[in-house]
Amino acid sequence: MERRIQELDVVALLTDLPERKLVAGQVGTVVEILEDGVFEVDFSDDEGKTYATLALREKDLIVLHYSPVAA
């Protein structure tokens, strides 16, 4: 069973969003679940300054893992 995206998950974009100056692979944090399959994601630089916050669909995100996860 696939794990659903949750608040505070670290995610990466799967698609480019040129209108928002974001590219696939940029990393953000889910700060709110807006509705089923839609999340508010905050993108911050290395110093913690937010450079974008936007609503994204689950299909445009992948959850990142920093430790081993059972397949």
PDB file of N, CA and C in Angstrom:
ATOM      1  N   MET A   1       0.833  -1.187   0.000  1.00  0.00           N
ATOM      2  CA  MET A   1       0.000   0.000   0.000  1.00  0.00           C
ATOM      3  C   MET A   1       0.879   1.251   0.000  1.00  0.00           C
ATOM      4  N   GLU A   2       0.576   2.170  -0.868  1.00  0.00           N
ATOM      5  CA  GLU A   2       1.364   3.393  -0.992  1.00  0.00           C
ATOM      6  C   GLU A   2       1.011   4.382   0.119  1.00  0.00           C
ATOM      7  N   ARG A   3       2.031   5.002   0.707  1.00  0.00           N
ATOM      8  CA  ARG A   3       1.840   5.980   1.778  1.00  0.00           C
ATOM      9  C   ARG A   3       1.389   7.308   1.185  1.00  0.00           C
ATOM     10  N   ARG A   4       0.402   7.913   1.792  1.00  0.00           N
ATOM     11  CA  ARG A   4      -0.104   9.208   1.345  1.00  0.00           C
ATOM     12  C   ARG A   4       0.783  10.335   1.864  1.00  0.00           C
ATOM     13  N   ILE A   5       0.820  11.422   1.140  1.00  0.00           N
ATOM     14  CA  ILE A   5       1.572  12.598   1.570  1.00  0.00           C
ATOM     15  C   ILE A   5       0.906  13.191   2.806  1.00  0.00           C
ATOM     16  N   GLN A   6       1.741  13.595   3.769  1.00  0.00           N
ATOM     17  CA  GLN A   6       1.253  14.152   5.028  1.00  0.00           C
ATOM     18  C   GLN A   6       1.893  15.510   5.279  1.00  0.00           C
ATOM     19  N   GLU A   7       1.302  16.269   6.220  1.00  0.00           N
ATOM     20  CA  GLU A   7       1.898  17.542   6.620  1.00  0.00           C
ATOM     21  C   GLU A   7       3.315  17.311   7.114  1.00  0.00           C
ATOM     22  N   LEU A   8       4.190  18.240   6.796  1.00  0.00           N
ATOM     23  CA  LEU A   8       5.610  18.271   7.150  1.00  0.00           C
ATOM     24  C   LEU A   8       6.465  17.284   6.369  1.00  0.00           C
ATOM     25  N   ASP A   9       5.880  16.563   5.409  1.00  0.00           N
ATOM     26  CA  ASP A   9       6.694  15.719   4.529  1.00  0.00           C
ATOM     27  C   ASP A   9       7.588  16.612   3.678  1.00  0.00           C
ATOM     28  N   VAL A  10       8.793  16.149   3.438  1.00  0.00           N
ATOM     29  CA  VAL A  10       9.702  16.814   2.513  1.00  0.00           C
ATOM     30  C   VAL A  10       9.444  16.194   1.140  1.00  0.00           C
ATOM     31  N   VAL A  11       9.171  17.055   0.168  1.00  0.00           N
ATOM     32  CA  VAL A  11       8.795  16.588  -1.161  1.00  0.00           C
ATOM     33  C   VAL A  11       9.651  17.272  -2.223  1.00  0.00           C
ATOM     34  N   ALA A  12       9.646  16.696  -3.413  1.00  0.00           N
ATOM     35  CA  ALA A  12      10.326  17.311  -4.556  1.00  0.00           C
ATOM     36  C   ALA A  12       9.334  17.399  -5.708  1.00  0.00           C
ATOM     37  N   LEU A  13       9.486  18.436  -6.504  1.00  0.00           N
ATOM     38  CA  LEU A  13       8.652  18.619  -7.694  1.00  0.00           C
ATOM     39  C   LEU A  13       9.012  17.589  -8.758  1.00  0.00           C
ATOM     40  N   LEU A  14       8.002  17.074  -9.437  1.00  0.00           N
ATOM     41  CA  LEU A  14       8.218  16.151 -10.545  1.00  0.00           C
ATOM     42  C   LEU A  14       8.135  16.849 -11.897  1.00  0.00           C
ATOM     43  N   THR A  15       7.630  18.076 -11.902  1.00  0.00           N
ATOM     44  CA  THR A  15       7.453  18.808 -13.154  1.00  0.00           C
ATOM     45  C   THR A  15       7.999  20.229 -13.027  1.00  0.00           C
ATOM     46  N   ASP A  16       8.360  20.809 -14.146  1.00  0.00           N
ATOM     47  CA  ASP A  16       8.767  22.213 -14.162  1.00  0.00           C
ATOM     48  C   ASP A  16       7.528  23.096 -14.048  1.00  0.00           C
ATOM     49  N   LEU A  17       7.668  24.202 -13.336  1.00  0.00           N
ATOM     50  CA  LEU A  17       6.616  25.212 -13.238  1.00  0.00           C
ATOM     51  C   LEU A  17       7.242  26.565 -13.593  1.00  0.00           C
ATOM     52  N   PRO A  18       7.506  26.787 -14.883  1.00  0.00           N
ATOM     53  CA  PRO A  18       8.228  27.993 -15.295  1.00  0.00           C
ATOM     54  C   PRO A  18       7.530  29.293 -14.899  1.00  0.00           C
ATOM     55  N   GLU A  19       6.206  29.282 -14.833  1.00  0.00           N
ATOM     56  CA  GLU A  19       5.484  30.492 -14.440  1.00  0.00           C
ATOM     57  C   GLU A  19       5.748  30.881 -12.989  1.00  0.00           C
ATOM     58  N   ARG A  20       6.209  29.916 -12.179  1.00  0.00           N
ATOM     59  CA  ARG A  20       6.564  30.170 -10.777  1.00  0.00           C
ATOM     60  C   ARG A  20       8.079  30.129 -10.552  1.00  0.00           C
ATOM     61  N   LYS A  21       8.829  29.968 -11.656  1.00  0.00           N
ATOM     62  CA  LYS A  21      10.292  29.882 -11.613  1.00  0.00           C
ATOM     63  C   LYS A  21      10.770  28.715 -10.763  1.00  0.00           C
ATOM     64  N   LEU A  22      10.067  27.581 -10.882  1.00  0.00           N
ATOM     65  CA  LEU A  22      10.429  26.347 -10.192  1.00  0.00           C
ATOM     66  C   LEU A  22      10.679  25.267 -11.228  1.00  0.00           C
ATOM     67  N   VAL A  23      11.644  24.382 -10.935  1.00  0.00           N
ATOM     68  CA  VAL A  23      11.964  23.288 -11.859  1.00  0.00           C
ATOM     69  C   VAL A  23      11.846  21.952 -11.139  1.00  0.00           C
ATOM     70  N   ALA A  24      11.665  20.902 -11.921  1.00  0.00           N
ATOM     71  CA  ALA A  24      11.597  19.554 -11.372  1.00  0.00           C
ATOM     72  C   ALA A  24      12.823  19.300 -10.506  1.00  0.00           C
ATOM     73  N   GLY A  25      12.594  18.715  -9.346  1.00  0.00           N
ATOM     74  CA  GLY A  25      13.687  18.406  -8.430  1.00  0.00           C
ATOM     75  C   GLY A  25      13.810  19.382  -7.278  1.00  0.00           C
ATOM     76  N   GLN A  26      13.179  20.562  -7.401  1.00  0.00           N
ATOM     77  CA  GLN A  26      13.263  21.497  -6.272  1.00  0.00           C
ATOM     78  C   GLN A  26      12.511  20.919  -5.083  1.00  0.00           C
ATOM     79  N   VAL A  27      13.071  21.150  -3.893  1.00  0.00           N
ATOM     80  CA  VAL A  27      12.595  20.521  -2.664  1.00  0.00           C
ATOM     81  C   VAL A  27      11.794  21.513  -1.829  1.00  0.00           C
ATOM     82  N   GLY A  28      10.677  21.034  -1.288  1.00  0.00           N
ATOM     83  CA  GLY A  28       9.833  21.855  -0.429  1.00  0.00           C
ATOM     84  C   GLY A  28       9.275  21.032   0.720  1.00  0.00           C
ATOM     85  N   THR A  29       8.489  21.690   1.565  1.00  0.00           N
ATOM     86  CA  THR A  29       7.866  21.045   2.720  1.00  0.00           C
ATOM     87  C   THR A  29       6.362  21.252   2.652  1.00  0.00           C
ATOM     88  N   VAL A  30       5.611  20.183   2.859  1.00  0.00           N
ATOM     89  CA  VAL A  30       4.153  20.277   2.903  1.00  0.00           C
ATOM     90  C   VAL A  30       3.770  20.972   4.208  1.00  0.00           C
ATOM     91  N   VAL A  31       3.100  22.116   4.091  1.00  0.00           N
ATOM     92  CA  VAL A  31       2.722  22.866   5.287  1.00  0.00           C
ATOM     93  C   VAL A  31       1.233  22.750   5.602  1.00  0.00           C
ATOM     94  N   GLU A  32       0.444  22.288   4.625  1.00  0.00           N
ATOM     95  CA  GLU A  32      -0.991  22.132   4.877  1.00  0.00           C
ATOM     96  C   GLU A  32      -1.599  21.209   3.834  1.00  0.00           C
ATOM     97  N   ILE A  33      -2.571  20.423   4.253  1.00  0.00           N
ATOM     98  CA  ILE A  33      -3.373  19.621   3.328  1.00  0.00           C
ATOM     99  C   ILE A  33      -4.619  20.445   3.034  1.00  0.00           C
ATOM    100  N   LEU A  34      -4.759  20.880   1.788  1.00  0.00           N
ATOM    101  CA  LEU A  34      -5.867  21.759   1.418  1.00  0.00           C
ATOM    102  C   LEU A  34      -7.148  20.990   1.139  1.00  0.00           C
ATOM    103  N   GLU A  35      -7.002  19.863   0.478  1.00  0.00           N
ATOM    104  CA  GLU A  35      -8.107  18.940   0.215  1.00  0.00           C
ATOM    105  C   GLU A  35      -7.478  17.630  -0.222  1.00  0.00           C
ATOM    106  N   ASP A  36      -8.282  16.627  -0.454  1.00  0.00           N
ATOM    107  CA  ASP A  36      -7.752  15.321  -0.826  1.00  0.00           C
ATOM    108  C   ASP A  36      -6.892  15.446  -2.078  1.00  0.00           C
ATOM    109  N   GLY A  37      -5.593  15.152  -1.948  1.00  0.00           N
ATOM    110  CA  GLY A  37      -4.679  15.184  -3.085  1.00  0.00           C
ATOM    111  C   GLY A  37      -4.126  16.544  -3.450  1.00  0.00           C
ATOM    112  N   VAL A  38      -4.389  17.577  -2.623  1.00  0.00           N
ATOM    113  CA  VAL A  38      -3.879  18.923  -2.888  1.00  0.00           C
ATOM    114  C   VAL A  38      -3.197  19.448  -1.629  1.00  0.00           C
ATOM    115  N   PHE A  39      -1.970  19.948  -1.796  1.00  0.00           N
ATOM    116  CA  PHE A  39      -1.144  20.329  -0.655  1.00  0.00           C
ATOM    117  C   PHE A  39      -0.532  21.708  -0.854  1.00  0.00           C
ATOM    118  N   GLU A  40      -0.441  22.466   0.231  1.00  0.00           N
ATOM    119  CA  GLU A  40       0.298  23.715   0.188  1.00  0.00           C
ATOM    120  C   GLU A  40       1.745  23.383   0.510  1.00  0.00           C
ATOM    121  N   VAL A  41       2.643  23.746  -0.402  1.00  0.00           N
ATOM    122  CA  VAL A  41       4.055  23.404  -0.258  1.00  0.00           C
ATOM    123  C   VAL A  41       4.865  24.693  -0.184  1.00  0.00           C
ATOM    124  N   ASP A  42       5.751  24.736   0.796  1.00  0.00           N
ATOM    125  CA  ASP A  42       6.631  25.885   1.026  1.00  0.00           C
ATOM    126  C   ASP A  42       8.018  25.528   0.505  1.00  0.00           C
ATOM    127  N   PHE A  43       8.574  26.388  -0.351  1.00  0.00           N
ATOM    128  CA  PHE A  43       9.921  26.209  -0.877  1.00  0.00           C
ATOM    129  C   PHE A  43      10.809  27.271  -0.251  1.00  0.00           C
ATOM    130  N   SER A  44      11.888  26.838   0.401  1.00  0.00           N
ATOM    131  CA  SER A  44      12.794  27.750   1.105  1.00  0.00           C
ATOM    132  C   SER A  44      14.226  27.500   0.662  1.00  0.00           C
ATOM    133  N   ASP A  45      15.053  28.554   0.766  1.00  0.00           N
ATOM    134  CA  ASP A  45      16.468  28.406   0.426  1.00  0.00           C
ATOM    135  C   ASP A  45      17.242  27.828   1.610  1.00  0.00           C
ATOM    136  N   ASP A  46      18.548  27.696   1.455  1.00  0.00           N
ATOM    137  CA  ASP A  46      19.395  27.103   2.496  1.00  0.00           C
ATOM    138  C   ASP A  46      19.416  27.904   3.790  1.00  0.00           C
ATOM    139  N   GLU A  47      19.012  29.164   3.713  1.00  0.00           N
ATOM    140  CA  GLU A  47      18.984  30.008   4.909  1.00  0.00           C
ATOM    141  C   GLU A  47      17.599  30.083   5.531  1.00  0.00           C
ATOM    142  N   GLY A  48      16.645  29.322   4.976  1.00  0.00           N
ATOM    143  CA  GLY A  48      15.298  29.277   5.525  1.00  0.00           C
ATOM    144  C   GLY A  48      14.355  30.342   5.005  1.00  0.00           C
ATOM    145  N   LYS A  49      14.785  31.125   4.013  1.00  0.00           N
ATOM    146  CA  LYS A  49      13.935  32.164   3.449  1.00  0.00           C
ATOM    147  C   LYS A  49      13.026  31.557   2.371  1.00  0.00           C
ATOM    148  N   THR A  50      11.723  31.745   2.554  1.00  0.00           N
ATOM    149  CA  THR A  50      10.757  31.210   1.596  1.00  0.00           C
ATOM    150  C   THR A  50      10.832  31.976   0.282  1.00  0.00           C
ATOM    151  N   TYR A  51      10.922  31.236  -0.817  1.00  0.00           N
ATOM    152  CA  TYR A  51      10.915  31.873  -2.125  1.00  0.00           C
ATOM    153  C   TYR A  51       9.679  31.498  -2.944  1.00  0.00           C
ATOM    154  N   ALA A  52       8.892  30.532  -2.469  1.00  0.00           N
ATOM    155  CA  ALA A  52       7.631  30.195  -3.132  1.00  0.00           C
ATOM    156  C   ALA A  52       6.764  29.373  -2.182  1.00  0.00           C
ATOM    157  N   THR A  53       5.484  29.631  -2.212  1.00  0.00           N
ATOM    158  CA  THR A  53       4.491  28.826  -1.510  1.00  0.00           C
ATOM    159  C   THR A  53       3.320  28.670  -2.456  1.00  0.00           C
ATOM    160  N   LEU A  54       2.939  27.432  -2.730  1.00  0.00           N
ATOM    161  CA  LEU A  54       1.830  27.237  -3.653  1.00  0.00           C
ATOM    162  C   LEU A  54       1.143  25.906  -3.434  1.00  0.00           C
ATOM    163  N   ALA A  55      -0.074  25.817  -3.944  1.00  0.00           N
ATOM    164  CA  ALA A  55      -0.855  24.583  -3.882  1.00  0.00           C
ATOM    165  C   ALA A  55      -0.424  23.677  -5.028  1.00  0.00           C
ATOM    166  N   LEU A  56      -0.161  22.421  -4.692  1.00  0.00           N
ATOM    167  CA  LEU A  56       0.265  21.453  -5.700  1.00  0.00           C
ATOM    168  C   LEU A  56      -0.513  20.157  -5.536  1.00  0.00           C
ATOM    169  N   ARG A  57      -0.714  19.484  -6.648  1.00  0.00           N
ATOM    170  CA  ARG A  57      -1.403  18.187  -6.629  1.00  0.00           C
ATOM    171  C   ARG A  57      -0.401  17.066  -6.333  1.00  0.00           C
ATOM    172  N   GLU A  58      -0.930  16.018  -5.756  1.00  0.00           N
ATOM    173  CA  GLU A  58      -0.108  14.870  -5.386  1.00  0.00           C
ATOM    174  C   GLU A  58       0.673  14.319  -6.578  1.00  0.00           C
ATOM    175  N   LYS A  59       0.075  14.353  -7.767  1.00  0.00           N
ATOM    176  CA  LYS A  59       0.732  13.813  -8.969  1.00  0.00           C
ATOM    177  C   LYS A  59       1.987  14.591  -9.358  1.00  0.00           C
ATOM    178  N   ASP A  60       2.139  15.810  -8.821  1.00  0.00           N
ATOM    179  CA  ASP A  60       3.296  16.653  -9.152  1.00  0.00           C
ATOM    180  C   ASP A  60       4.410  16.573  -8.121  1.00  0.00           C
ATOM    181  N   LEU A  61       4.259  15.662  -7.136  1.00  0.00           N
ATOM    182  CA  LEU A  61       5.207  15.587  -6.019  1.00  0.00           C
ATOM    183  C   LEU A  61       5.677  14.167  -5.766  1.00  0.00           C
ATOM    184  N   ILE A  62       6.863  14.058  -5.194  1.00  0.00           N
ATOM    185  CA  ILE A  62       7.364  12.787  -4.673  1.00  0.00           C
ATOM    186  C   ILE A  62       7.903  13.042  -3.277  1.00  0.00           C
ATOM    187  N   VAL A  63       7.569  12.144  -2.342  1.00  0.00           N
ATOM    188  CA  VAL A  63       8.050  12.272  -0.971  1.00  0.00           C
ATOM    189  C   VAL A  63       9.511  11.810  -0.923  1.00  0.00           C
ATOM    190  N   LEU A  64      10.360  12.577  -0.255  1.00  0.00           N
ATOM    191  CA  LEU A  64      11.762  12.205  -0.096  1.00  0.00           C
ATOM    192  C   LEU A  64      11.953  11.484   1.235  1.00  0.00           C
ATOM    193  N   HIS A  65      12.871  10.536   1.232  1.00  0.00           N
ATOM    194  CA  HIS A  65      13.144   9.726   2.429  1.00  0.00           C
ATOM    195  C   HIS A  65      14.627   9.848   2.780  1.00  0.00           C
ATOM    196  N   TYR A  66      14.909  10.048   4.056  1.00  0.00           N
ATOM    197  CA  TYR A  66      16.284  10.193   4.506  1.00  0.00           C
ATOM    198  C   TYR A  66      16.822   8.968   5.231  1.00  0.00           C
ATOM    199  N   SER A  67      16.006   7.946   5.349  1.00  0.00           N
ATOM    200  CA  SER A  67      16.434   6.691   5.964  1.00  0.00           C
ATOM    201  C   SER A  67      15.769   5.547   5.200  1.00  0.00           C
ATOM    202  N   PRO A  68      16.255   4.322   5.391  1.00  0.00           N
ATOM    203  CA  PRO A  68      15.695   3.196   4.661  1.00  0.00           C
ATOM    204  C   PRO A  68      14.190   3.046   4.904  1.00  0.00           C
ATOM    205  N   VAL A  69      13.480   2.703   3.829  1.00  0.00           N
ATOM    206  CA  VAL A  69      12.031   2.488   3.888  1.00  0.00           C
ATOM    207  C   VAL A  69      11.743   1.138   3.260  1.00  0.00           C
ATOM    208  N   ALA A  70      10.919   0.333   3.919  1.00  0.00           N
ATOM    209  CA  ALA A  70      10.575  -0.981   3.374  1.00  0.00           C
ATOM    210  C   ALA A  70       9.776  -0.804   2.094  1.00  0.00           C
ATOM    211  N   ALA A  71      10.102  -1.609   1.090  1.00  0.00           N
ATOM    212  CA  ALA A  71       9.395  -1.535  -0.202  1.00  0.00           C
ATOM    213  C   ALA A  71       8.019  -2.139  -0.100  1.00  0.00           C
TER     214      ALA A  71
END
